[in-house]
Amino acid sequence: MIQDVQAMHEEQIQVIQVTLRSDFLVACCEDDYVLSLPKTDDQLRLAREHLGIKTFDDCEIMQVDSPIRLLSKIHYFDDVTLMNDIARAVV
């Protein structure tokens, strides 16, 4: 029960927003994919499936934004997993 409430709370909070582009999206003429973090491992897997990639290294980060100014300025080394870990730590 506590985990369910915590998961719902985490889903509502958007700590980092990452705009991603993959070759698959471009080929399908789809817009860039906006991923709000933090996400669970299953949600990240679903995002990779939507992007048509195996790892986030297979896509391009177009933009990183956050309502927390400092988090918008950090260099994440194009690592979506690192961004998610930081977003989870903030929540």
C-alpha atoms as a PDB file:
ATOM      1  CA  MET A   1       0.000   0.000   0.000  1.00  0.00           C
ATOM      2  CA  ILE A   2       2.758   2.447   0.961  1.00  0.00           C
ATOM      3  CA  GLN A   3       4.655   1.590  -2.241  1.00  0.00           C
ATOM      4  CA  ASP A   4       1.513   2.260  -4.324  1.00  0.00           C
ATOM      5  CA  VAL A   5       1.035   5.689  -2.742  1.00  0.00           C
ATOM      6  CA  GLN A   6       4.734   6.476  -3.169  1.00  0.00           C
ATOM      7  CA  ALA A   7       4.645   5.402  -6.839  1.00  0.00           C
ATOM      8  CA  MET A   8       1.604   7.612  -7.482  1.00  0.00           C
ATOM      9  CA  HIS A   9       3.342  10.537  -5.788  1.00  0.00           C
ATOM     10  CA  GLU A  10       6.507  10.055  -7.860  1.00  0.00           C
ATOM     11  CA  GLU A  11       4.504   9.935 -11.103  1.00  0.00           C
ATOM     12  CA  GLN A  12       2.873  13.270 -10.342  1.00  0.00           C
ATOM     13  CA  ILE A  13       6.142  15.093  -9.673  1.00  0.00           C
ATOM     14  CA  GLN A  14       8.103  16.197 -12.727  1.00  0.00           C
ATOM     15  CA  VAL A  15      11.647  16.930 -11.630  1.00  0.00           C
ATOM     16  CA  ILE A  16      13.376  16.776 -15.023  1.00  0.00           C
ATOM     17  CA  GLN A  17      11.870  16.876 -18.496  1.00  0.00           C
ATOM     18  CA  VAL A  18      13.980  15.419 -21.323  1.00  0.00           C
ATOM     19  CA  THR A  19      13.136  15.825 -25.002  1.00  0.00           C
ATOM     20  CA  LEU A  20      14.442  12.859 -26.994  1.00  0.00           C
ATOM     21  CA  ARG A  21      14.753  12.095 -30.709  1.00  0.00           C
ATOM     22  CA  SER A  22      15.432   8.700 -32.251  1.00  0.00           C
ATOM     23  CA  ASP A  23      15.918   7.504 -35.818  1.00  0.00           C
ATOM     24  CA  PHE A  24      12.706   5.494 -35.408  1.00  0.00           C
ATOM     25  CA  LEU A  25      10.664   8.603 -34.573  1.00  0.00           C
ATOM     26  CA  VAL A  26      12.185  10.509 -37.471  1.00  0.00           C
ATOM     27  CA  ALA A  27      11.453   7.627 -39.877  1.00  0.00           C
ATOM     28  CA  CYS A  28       7.839   7.539 -38.653  1.00  0.00           C
ATOM     29  CA  CYS A  29       7.556  11.353 -38.953  1.00  0.00           C
ATOM     30  CA  GLU A  30       6.718  11.586 -35.257  1.00  0.00           C
ATOM     31  CA  ASP A  31       7.518  14.523 -33.007  1.00  0.00           C
ATOM     32  CA  ASP A  32      10.292  14.347 -30.442  1.00  0.00           C
ATOM     33  CA  TYR A  33       9.420  12.343 -27.334  1.00  0.00           C
ATOM     34  CA  VAL A  34       9.160  14.213 -24.029  1.00  0.00           C
ATOM     35  CA  LEU A  35      10.077  12.101 -21.023  1.00  0.00           C
ATOM     36  CA  SER A  36       9.241  13.471 -17.567  1.00  0.00           C
ATOM     37  CA  LEU A  37      11.423  12.114 -14.785  1.00  0.00           C
ATOM     38  CA  PRO A  38      11.504  10.380 -12.391  1.00  0.00           C
ATOM     39  CA  LYS A  39      10.175   7.133 -13.866  1.00  0.00           C
ATOM     40  CA  THR A  40      10.165   3.525 -12.745  1.00  0.00           C
ATOM     41  CA  ASP A  41      12.281   0.957 -14.580  1.00  0.00           C
ATOM     42  CA  ASP A  42       9.153  -0.352 -16.323  1.00  0.00           C
ATOM     43  CA  GLN A  43       8.193   3.153 -17.439  1.00  0.00           C
ATOM     44  CA  LEU A  44      11.704   3.701 -18.815  1.00  0.00           C
ATOM     45  CA  ARG A  45      11.434   0.408 -20.710  1.00  0.00           C
ATOM     46  CA  LEU A  46       8.137   1.554 -22.242  1.00  0.00           C
ATOM     47  CA  ALA A  47       9.739   4.860 -23.241  1.00  0.00           C
ATOM     48  CA  ARG A  48      12.590   2.996 -24.977  1.00  0.00           C
ATOM     49  CA  GLU A  49      10.036   0.846 -26.800  1.00  0.00           C
ATOM     50  CA  HIS A  50       8.163   3.950 -27.968  1.00  0.00           C
ATOM     51  CA  LEU A  51      11.433   5.435 -29.202  1.00  0.00           C
ATOM     52  CA  GLY A  52      12.345   2.160 -30.959  1.00  0.00           C
ATOM     53  CA  ILE A  53      15.677   1.878 -29.141  1.00  0.00           C
ATOM     54  CA  LYS A  54      17.429  -0.638 -26.907  1.00  0.00           C
ATOM     55  CA  THR A  55      19.240   1.893 -24.734  1.00  0.00           C
ATOM     56  CA  PHE A  56      18.947   5.641 -24.304  1.00  0.00           C
ATOM     57  CA  ASP A  57      22.414   5.903 -25.868  1.00  0.00           C
ATOM     58  CA  ASP A  58      20.644   5.137 -29.162  1.00  0.00           C
ATOM     59  CA  CYS A  59      18.777   8.453 -29.169  1.00  0.00           C
ATOM     60  CA  GLU A  60      19.650  12.131 -29.103  1.00  0.00           C
ATOM     61  CA  ILE A  61      18.846  14.413 -26.201  1.00  0.00           C
ATOM     62  CA  MET A  62      17.385  17.570 -27.690  1.00  0.00           C
ATOM     63  CA  GLN A  63      16.605  19.465 -24.497  1.00  0.00           C
ATOM     64  CA  VAL A  64      16.722  19.126 -20.710  1.00  0.00           C
ATOM     65  CA  ASP A  65      14.484  21.277 -18.555  1.00  0.00           C
ATOM     66  CA  SER A  66      13.486  21.373 -14.909  1.00  0.00           C
ATOM     67  CA  PRO A  67      11.442  23.611 -12.648  1.00  0.00           C
ATOM     68  CA  ILE A  68      14.499  23.405 -10.381  1.00  0.00           C
ATOM     69  CA  ARG A  69      16.886  25.774 -12.155  1.00  0.00           C
ATOM     70  CA  LEU A  70      20.058  24.037 -10.965  1.00  0.00           C
ATOM     71  CA  LEU A  71      18.938  20.721 -12.456  1.00  0.00           C
ATOM     72  CA  SER A  72      18.561  22.367 -15.878  1.00  0.00           C
ATOM     73  CA  LYS A  73      22.187  23.468 -15.795  1.00  0.00           C
ATOM     74  CA  ILE A  74      23.852  20.196 -14.756  1.00  0.00           C
ATOM     75  CA  HIS A  75      25.819  18.335 -17.434  1.00  0.00           C
ATOM     76  CA  TYR A  76      24.366  14.822 -17.447  1.00  0.00           C
ATOM     77  CA  PHE A  77      26.793  13.468 -20.078  1.00  0.00           C
ATOM     78  CA  ASP A  78      23.779  12.523 -22.241  1.00  0.00           C
ATOM     79  CA  ASP A  79      22.842   9.884 -19.662  1.00  0.00           C
ATOM     80  CA  VAL A  80      19.065   9.565 -19.215  1.00  0.00           C
ATOM     81  CA  THR A  81      19.538   6.932 -16.510  1.00  0.00           C
ATOM     82  CA  LEU A  82      21.686   9.353 -14.499  1.00  0.00           C
ATOM     83  CA  MET A  83      19.016  12.038 -14.921  1.00  0.00           C
ATOM     84  CA  ASN A  84      16.391   9.606 -13.650  1.00  0.00           C
ATOM     85  CA  ASP A  85      18.542   8.654 -10.640  1.00  0.00           C
ATOM     86  CA  ILE A  86      18.960  12.331  -9.749  1.00  0.00           C
ATOM     87  CA  ALA A  87      15.237  12.981 -10.204  1.00  0.00           C
ATOM     88  CA  ARG A  88      14.434  10.023  -7.926  1.00  0.00           C
ATOM     89  CA  ALA A  89      16.823  11.360  -5.288  1.00  0.00           C
ATOM     90  CA  VAL A  90      15.087  14.761  -5.339  1.00  0.00           C
ATOM     91  CA  VAL A  91      11.679  13.180  -4.805  1.00  0.00           C
END
